[in-house]
Amino acid sequence: MASPKVMNGTLAASDETFPAADAQAELHPAQNKDFQVDPVSSDVATTFLENKERVKERRKKKAEERKHALKTLKSTIIVSGAILAVVGAAFNVTKKLKATSLFN
């Protein structure tokens, strides 16, 4: 608030005054189309949204990597199971052949 200054024993108004208030804009903010944005708050909000998008992208990328790793693990288990089945069958056939004395 501007305070009056004392000059030569009399009160003098200072040069500092409040800006004029727009009652219509203050009472009806929805109709006020000419508003100013605080640049600091705007930057903070923009940075927050950008960080939120980055986090979302990272999570999506990690989920895709997990899916790929799981797919690779599944195929590895299936292939090693198939190899184990073939080796087991070959061992069983060899055992049966020895039992029938074809190798003796």
N, C-alpha and C. Protein backbone atom coordinates (compact mmCIF):
# COMPACT_ATOMS: atom_id res chain seq x y z
N MET A 1 0.85 -1.17 0.00
CA MET A 1 0.00 0.00 0.00
C MET A 1 0.89 1.22 0.00
N ALA A 2 0.53 2.19 -0.79
CA ALA A 2 1.33 3.40 -0.87
C ALA A 2 1.06 4.27 0.36
N SER A 3 2.11 4.72 0.96
CA SER A 3 1.93 5.58 2.13
C SER A 3 2.26 7.02 1.74
N PRO A 4 1.53 7.96 2.32
CA PRO A 4 1.81 9.36 1.98
C PRO A 4 3.18 9.77 2.54
N LYS A 5 3.84 10.65 1.85
CA LYS A 5 5.14 11.13 2.27
C LYS A 5 4.98 12.54 2.86
N VAL A 6 5.80 12.81 3.81
CA VAL A 6 5.73 14.12 4.45
C VAL A 6 6.77 15.01 3.80
N MET A 7 6.31 16.15 3.23
CA MET A 7 7.21 17.13 2.62
C MET A 7 6.88 18.50 3.20
N ASN A 8 7.84 19.09 3.80
CA ASN A 8 7.70 20.43 4.37
C ASN A 8 6.51 20.51 5.32
N GLY A 9 6.28 19.46 6.05
CA GLY A 9 5.21 19.48 7.04
C GLY A 9 3.84 19.15 6.48
N THR A 10 3.72 18.94 5.18
CA THR A 10 2.42 18.59 4.60
C THR A 10 2.50 17.19 4.02
N LEU A 11 1.37 16.54 3.94
CA LEU A 11 1.33 15.21 3.37
C LEU A 11 1.26 15.30 1.84
N ALA A 12 2.07 14.50 1.18
CA ALA A 12 2.06 14.47 -0.28
C ALA A 12 1.84 13.03 -0.72
N ALA A 13 1.07 12.85 -1.77
CA ALA A 13 0.80 11.50 -2.29
C ALA A 13 2.04 10.99 -3.00
N SER A 14 2.29 9.71 -2.85
CA SER A 14 3.46 9.13 -3.51
C SER A 14 3.10 8.78 -4.96
N ASP A 15 4.11 8.47 -5.73
CA ASP A 15 3.90 8.12 -7.14
C ASP A 15 3.43 6.68 -7.29
N GLU A 16 3.59 5.87 -6.24
CA GLU A 16 3.21 4.48 -6.30
C GLU A 16 1.72 4.34 -6.04
N THR A 17 1.00 3.77 -6.99
CA THR A 17 -0.44 3.55 -6.82
C THR A 17 -0.77 2.13 -7.21
N PHE A 18 -1.90 1.65 -6.71
CA PHE A 18 -2.35 0.33 -7.10
C PHE A 18 -2.87 0.37 -8.53
N PRO A 19 -2.69 -0.73 -9.26
CA PRO A 19 -3.28 -0.75 -10.60
C PRO A 19 -4.80 -0.80 -10.49
N ALA A 20 -5.44 -0.26 -11.49
CA ALA A 20 -6.91 -0.23 -11.48
C ALA A 20 -7.44 -1.66 -11.57
N ALA A 21 -8.46 -1.94 -10.79
CA ALA A 21 -9.04 -3.28 -10.77
C ALA A 21 -10.15 -3.38 -11.80
N ASP A 22 -10.24 -4.52 -12.42
CA ASP A 22 -11.32 -4.77 -13.37
C ASP A 22 -12.35 -5.63 -12.66
N ALA A 23 -13.41 -5.00 -12.16
CA ALA A 23 -14.41 -5.70 -11.36
C ALA A 23 -15.11 -6.78 -12.17
N GLN A 24 -15.40 -6.52 -13.41
CA GLN A 24 -16.09 -7.51 -14.25
C GLN A 24 -15.24 -8.78 -14.40
N ALA A 25 -13.96 -8.61 -14.64
CA ALA A 25 -13.07 -9.76 -14.80
C ALA A 25 -12.89 -10.51 -13.48
N GLU A 26 -12.87 -9.79 -12.37
CA GLU A 26 -12.69 -10.43 -11.07
C GLU A 26 -13.94 -11.18 -10.64
N LEU A 27 -15.12 -10.64 -10.95
CA LEU A 27 -16.37 -11.27 -10.52
C LEU A 27 -16.80 -12.40 -11.44
N HIS A 28 -16.42 -12.34 -12.70
CA HIS A 28 -16.81 -13.35 -13.68
C HIS A 28 -15.57 -13.88 -14.40
N PRO A 29 -14.78 -14.72 -13.74
CA PRO A 29 -13.52 -15.18 -14.34
C PRO A 29 -13.71 -16.04 -15.58
N ALA A 30 -14.86 -16.69 -15.73
CA ALA A 30 -15.08 -17.53 -16.90
C ALA A 30 -15.21 -16.68 -18.17
N GLN A 31 -15.62 -15.45 -18.03
CA GLN A 31 -15.78 -14.57 -19.19
C GLN A 31 -14.49 -13.84 -19.53
N ASN A 32 -13.53 -13.89 -18.65
CA ASN A 32 -12.26 -13.21 -18.86
C ASN A 32 -11.41 -14.03 -19.82
N LYS A 33 -11.31 -13.58 -21.05
CA LYS A 33 -10.52 -14.29 -22.06
C LYS A 33 -9.10 -13.75 -22.15
N ASP A 34 -8.84 -12.62 -21.52
CA ASP A 34 -7.52 -12.01 -21.58
C ASP A 34 -6.83 -12.19 -20.24
N PHE A 35 -6.25 -13.37 -20.02
CA PHE A 35 -5.56 -13.62 -18.77
C PHE A 35 -4.09 -13.86 -19.05
N GLN A 36 -3.29 -13.58 -18.06
CA GLN A 36 -1.85 -13.75 -18.20
C GLN A 36 -1.42 -15.02 -17.49
N VAL A 37 -0.46 -15.70 -18.08
CA VAL A 37 0.05 -16.93 -17.51
C VAL A 37 1.37 -16.62 -16.82
N ASP A 38 1.51 -17.14 -15.62
CA ASP A 38 2.77 -17.00 -14.89
C ASP A 38 3.81 -17.87 -15.59
N PRO A 39 4.89 -17.29 -16.12
CA PRO A 39 5.85 -18.09 -16.89
C PRO A 39 6.53 -19.18 -16.05
N VAL A 40 6.77 -18.94 -14.78
CA VAL A 40 7.44 -19.94 -13.94
C VAL A 40 6.51 -21.13 -13.74
N SER A 41 5.26 -20.86 -13.40
CA SER A 41 4.30 -21.95 -13.20
C SER A 41 4.08 -22.72 -14.49
N SER A 42 4.04 -22.00 -15.59
CA SER A 42 3.86 -22.66 -16.88
C SER A 42 5.03 -23.58 -17.19
N ASP A 43 6.24 -23.12 -16.90
CA ASP A 43 7.43 -23.94 -17.13
C ASP A 43 7.43 -25.17 -16.23
N VAL A 44 7.02 -24.99 -14.99
CA VAL A 44 6.98 -26.11 -14.06
C VAL A 44 5.97 -27.15 -14.54
N ALA A 45 4.80 -26.68 -14.96
CA ALA A 45 3.76 -27.60 -15.45
C ALA A 45 4.23 -28.32 -16.71
N THR A 46 4.87 -27.60 -17.61
CA THR A 46 5.36 -28.20 -18.85
C THR A 46 6.44 -29.24 -18.54
N THR A 47 7.35 -28.91 -17.64
CA THR A 47 8.41 -29.84 -17.27
C THR A 47 7.82 -31.08 -16.61
N PHE A 48 6.82 -30.89 -15.75
CA PHE A 48 6.17 -32.02 -15.09
C PHE A 48 5.53 -32.94 -16.12
N LEU A 49 4.83 -32.36 -17.10
CA LEU A 49 4.19 -33.19 -18.12
C LEU A 49 5.22 -33.91 -18.99
N GLU A 50 6.31 -33.23 -19.32
CA GLU A 50 7.36 -33.88 -20.11
C GLU A 50 7.99 -35.04 -19.34
N ASN A 51 8.24 -34.83 -18.05
CA ASN A 51 8.81 -35.90 -17.23
C ASN A 51 7.84 -37.07 -17.11
N LYS A 52 6.57 -36.75 -16.98
CA LYS A 52 5.55 -37.80 -16.88
C LYS A 52 5.52 -38.63 -18.17
N GLU A 53 5.64 -37.97 -19.32
CA GLU A 53 5.66 -38.68 -20.60
C GLU A 53 6.92 -39.54 -20.71
N ARG A 54 8.06 -39.02 -20.26
CA ARG A 54 9.31 -39.79 -20.31
C ARG A 54 9.21 -41.05 -19.45
N VAL A 55 8.64 -40.89 -18.27
CA VAL A 55 8.49 -42.04 -17.37
C VAL A 55 7.58 -43.08 -18.01
N LYS A 56 6.51 -42.61 -18.64
CA LYS A 56 5.58 -43.52 -19.32
C LYS A 56 6.28 -44.27 -20.44
N GLU A 57 7.11 -43.56 -21.22
CA GLU A 57 7.85 -44.19 -22.32
C GLU A 57 8.86 -45.22 -21.78
N ARG A 58 9.54 -44.87 -20.68
CA ARG A 58 10.51 -45.81 -20.10
C ARG A 58 9.82 -47.08 -19.61
N ARG A 59 8.66 -46.91 -18.97
CA ARG A 59 7.93 -48.08 -18.48
C ARG A 59 7.48 -48.95 -19.64
N LYS A 60 7.04 -48.32 -20.72
CA LYS A 60 6.60 -49.07 -21.90
C LYS A 60 7.79 -49.82 -22.50
N LYS A 61 8.94 -49.16 -22.57
CA LYS A 61 10.13 -49.79 -23.13
C LYS A 61 10.58 -50.96 -22.26
N LYS A 62 10.53 -50.79 -20.93
CA LYS A 62 10.92 -51.88 -20.04
C LYS A 62 9.96 -53.05 -20.16
N ALA A 63 8.67 -52.76 -20.33
CA ALA A 63 7.68 -53.83 -20.49
C ALA A 63 7.96 -54.60 -21.77
N GLU A 64 8.31 -53.89 -22.85
CA GLU A 64 8.64 -54.56 -24.11
C GLU A 64 9.90 -55.42 -23.95
N GLU A 65 10.89 -54.91 -23.22
CA GLU A 65 12.12 -55.68 -23.00
C GLU A 65 11.81 -56.95 -22.19
N ARG A 66 10.94 -56.83 -21.20
CA ARG A 66 10.57 -58.02 -20.41
C ARG A 66 9.86 -59.04 -21.28
N LYS A 67 8.97 -58.56 -22.16
CA LYS A 67 8.26 -59.47 -23.06
C LYS A 67 9.26 -60.19 -23.96
N HIS A 68 10.23 -59.44 -24.47
CA HIS A 68 11.24 -60.03 -25.35
C HIS A 68 12.06 -61.06 -24.58
N ALA A 69 12.46 -60.73 -23.36
CA ALA A 69 13.25 -61.66 -22.55
C ALA A 69 12.44 -62.91 -22.23
N LEU A 70 11.17 -62.73 -21.93
CA LEU A 70 10.32 -63.88 -21.62
C LEU A 70 10.14 -64.77 -22.85
N LYS A 71 9.99 -64.13 -24.00
CA LYS A 71 9.84 -64.89 -25.25
C LYS A 71 11.12 -65.69 -25.53
N THR A 72 12.27 -65.06 -25.33
CA THR A 72 13.55 -65.74 -25.54
C THR A 72 13.70 -66.90 -24.56
N LEU A 73 13.32 -66.69 -23.30
CA LEU A 73 13.41 -67.75 -22.31
C LEU A 73 12.49 -68.91 -22.65
N LYS A 74 11.28 -68.60 -23.11
CA LYS A 74 10.34 -69.66 -23.50
C LYS A 74 10.91 -70.49 -24.64
N SER A 75 11.43 -69.82 -25.66
CA SER A 75 11.96 -70.57 -26.80
C SER A 75 13.18 -71.39 -26.39
N THR A 76 14.00 -70.88 -25.50
CA THR A 76 15.17 -71.62 -25.02
C THR A 76 14.74 -72.88 -24.27
N ILE A 77 13.74 -72.74 -23.43
CA ILE A 77 13.24 -73.90 -22.67
C ILE A 77 12.64 -74.94 -23.61
N ILE A 78 11.89 -74.49 -24.62
CA ILE A 78 11.28 -75.43 -25.56
C ILE A 78 12.35 -76.17 -26.36
N VAL A 79 13.34 -75.45 -26.85
CA VAL A 79 14.40 -76.08 -27.64
C VAL A 79 15.20 -77.06 -26.78
N SER A 80 15.55 -76.67 -25.57
CA SER A 80 16.32 -77.59 -24.72
C SER A 80 15.47 -78.80 -24.32
N GLY A 81 14.17 -78.61 -24.16
CA GLY A 81 13.29 -79.75 -23.89
C GLY A 81 13.24 -80.71 -25.06
N ALA A 82 13.19 -80.17 -26.27
CA ALA A 82 13.18 -81.01 -27.46
C ALA A 82 14.50 -81.79 -27.59
N ILE A 83 15.60 -81.12 -27.34
CA ILE A 83 16.90 -81.79 -27.41
C ILE A 83 16.99 -82.88 -26.35
N LEU A 84 16.51 -82.58 -25.16
CA LEU A 84 16.52 -83.58 -24.10
C LEU A 84 15.65 -84.79 -24.46
N ALA A 85 14.53 -84.56 -25.11
CA ALA A 85 13.66 -85.67 -25.54
C ALA A 85 14.36 -86.53 -26.58
N VAL A 86 15.05 -85.91 -27.53
CA VAL A 86 15.77 -86.66 -28.57
C VAL A 86 16.90 -87.48 -27.95
N VAL A 87 17.65 -86.87 -27.05
CA VAL A 87 18.75 -87.60 -26.39
C VAL A 87 18.20 -88.75 -25.57
N GLY A 88 17.10 -88.52 -24.88
CA GLY A 88 16.48 -89.59 -24.09
C GLY A 88 16.00 -90.73 -24.97
N ALA A 89 15.39 -90.41 -26.11
CA ALA A 89 14.93 -91.44 -27.03
C ALA A 89 16.11 -92.23 -27.60
N ALA A 90 17.19 -91.55 -27.96
CA ALA A 90 18.38 -92.22 -28.49
C ALA A 90 18.98 -93.14 -27.42
N PHE A 91 19.03 -92.69 -26.19
CA PHE A 91 19.55 -93.52 -25.11
C PHE A 91 18.68 -94.75 -24.90
N ASN A 92 17.37 -94.55 -24.97
CA ASN A 92 16.44 -95.67 -24.79
C ASN A 92 16.55 -96.68 -25.93
N VAL A 93 16.69 -96.19 -27.17
CA VAL A 93 16.85 -97.09 -28.31
C VAL A 93 18.15 -97.88 -28.17
N THR A 94 19.24 -97.22 -27.77
CA THR A 94 20.52 -97.91 -27.58
C THR A 94 20.40 -98.97 -26.50
N LYS A 95 19.71 -98.68 -25.44
CA LYS A 95 19.53 -99.64 -24.35
C LYS A 95 18.73 -100.85 -24.83
N LYS A 96 17.69 -100.63 -25.62
CA LYS A 96 16.89 -101.74 -26.14
C LYS A 96 17.70 -102.60 -27.11
N LEU A 97 18.52 -101.94 -27.93
CA LEU A 97 19.34 -102.69 -28.88
C LEU A 97 20.37 -103.55 -28.15
N LYS A 98 20.93 -103.03 -27.06
CA LYS A 98 21.88 -103.84 -26.28
C LYS A 98 21.15 -105.02 -25.64
N ALA A 99 19.92 -104.79 -25.26
CA ALA A 99 19.16 -105.87 -24.62
C ALA A 99 18.84 -106.99 -25.61
N THR A 100 18.66 -106.66 -26.87
CA THR A 100 18.37 -107.68 -27.88
C THR A 100 19.62 -108.31 -28.44
N SER A 101 20.75 -107.91 -27.96
CA SER A 101 22.05 -108.48 -28.32
C SER A 101 22.40 -108.31 -29.79
N LEU A 102 22.05 -107.24 -30.37
CA LEU A 102 22.49 -107.00 -31.74
C LEU A 102 23.95 -106.54 -31.76
N PHE A 103 24.43 -105.95 -30.67
CA PHE A 103 25.80 -105.45 -30.62
C PHE A 103 26.77 -106.52 -30.12
N ASN A 104 26.33 -107.64 -29.66
CA ASN A 104 27.21 -108.67 -29.12
C ASN A 104 27.78 -109.55 -30.16
